[in-house]
Amino acid sequence: MSTTTLNKLPLNSCGKIVAINCTGPINRRLLDLGLIPNTPIQSIFKSPFGDPTAYKIRGSTIALREEDAKLIVISK
């Protein structure tokens, strides 16, 4: 299984969350958004300036800045 970070997931590609590499309030925020291990996630839209990127997760669309997406480890 190859792993990478969420910010490197190409548009319209799917991955599965492996881990979140942070602590404190940002960790809590990401968990509250539904980013928990073994959850499928898909990159669906990138803003015109490249940041943030929209992701489809658990039937919802969320936008994450690249600095936050770098903290999420996924498998392809």
Protein backbone atom coordinates (compact mmCIF):
# COMPACT_ATOMS: atom_id res chain seq x y z
CA MET A 1 0.00 0.00 0.00
CA SER A 2 1.46 3.36 -1.00
CA THR A 3 0.80 6.36 1.20
CA THR A 4 0.99 10.08 0.57
CA THR A 5 -0.55 13.21 2.00
CA LEU A 6 -3.98 14.50 1.03
CA ASN A 7 -2.62 17.64 -0.62
CA LYS A 8 -0.90 15.43 -3.24
CA LEU A 9 -4.09 13.58 -4.24
CA PRO A 10 -4.82 14.42 -7.90
CA LEU A 11 -8.19 15.92 -8.82
CA ASN A 12 -11.00 13.38 -9.25
CA SER A 13 -8.96 10.71 -7.49
CA CYS A 14 -9.93 8.72 -4.42
CA GLY A 15 -7.95 7.68 -1.39
CA LYS A 16 -8.51 6.34 2.09
CA ILE A 17 -7.47 8.20 5.22
CA VAL A 18 -4.71 6.42 7.14
CA ALA A 19 -3.79 8.95 9.85
CA ILE A 20 -3.89 12.59 10.89
CA ASN A 21 -0.48 13.94 11.92
CA CYS A 22 -1.36 16.78 14.27
CA THR A 23 -2.62 17.48 17.76
CA GLY A 24 -4.67 20.09 19.53
CA PRO A 25 -7.50 22.16 18.05
CA ILE A 26 -6.67 21.39 14.41
CA ASN A 27 -6.84 17.65 15.12
CA ARG A 28 -10.23 18.10 16.78
CA ARG A 29 -11.49 20.19 13.83
CA LEU A 30 -10.45 17.58 11.28
CA LEU A 31 -12.04 14.78 13.29
CA ASP A 32 -15.25 16.81 13.60
CA LEU A 33 -15.30 17.18 9.81
CA GLY A 34 -15.34 13.38 9.53
CA LEU A 35 -11.70 12.82 8.63
CA ILE A 36 -11.12 9.62 10.53
CA PRO A 37 -8.98 6.60 9.59
CA ASN A 38 -10.37 4.17 6.98
CA THR A 39 -12.72 6.80 5.53
CA PRO A 40 -12.72 7.20 1.72
CA ILE A 41 -12.06 10.71 0.43
CA GLN A 42 -12.12 12.19 -3.09
CA SER A 43 -10.54 15.38 -4.42
CA ILE A 44 -13.23 17.11 -6.49
CA PHE A 45 -12.32 20.77 -7.06
CA LYS A 46 -9.36 23.09 -6.74
CA SER A 47 -9.92 26.83 -6.41
CA PRO A 48 -8.62 29.05 -9.23
CA PHE A 49 -5.57 30.05 -7.16
CA GLY A 50 -4.92 26.43 -6.10
CA ASP A 51 -5.85 26.76 -2.42
CA PRO A 52 -8.16 25.56 -0.89
CA THR A 53 -9.25 22.26 -2.44
CA ALA A 54 -12.72 20.73 -2.10
CA TYR A 55 -13.03 17.09 -1.05
CA LYS A 56 -15.99 14.72 -0.96
CA ILE A 57 -16.16 12.78 2.30
CA ARG A 58 -19.06 10.89 3.90
CA GLY A 59 -21.56 12.46 1.47
CA SER A 60 -20.45 16.03 2.21
CA THR A 61 -18.16 18.47 0.48
CA ILE A 62 -15.50 20.18 2.57
CA ALA A 63 -12.74 22.62 1.67
CA LEU A 64 -9.28 22.29 3.19
CA ARG A 65 -6.30 24.57 2.89
CA GLU A 66 -3.11 22.93 1.66
CA GLU A 67 -1.41 23.43 5.04
CA ASP A 68 -4.18 21.35 6.68
CA ALA A 69 -4.30 18.74 3.90
CA LYS A 70 -0.54 18.13 4.38
CA LEU A 71 -1.34 16.76 7.86
CA ILE A 72 -3.57 13.96 6.55
CA VAL A 73 -1.94 10.71 5.42
CA ILE A 74 -3.89 8.72 2.82
CA SER A 75 -3.47 5.50 0.87
CA LYS A 76 -4.27 5.47 -2.82
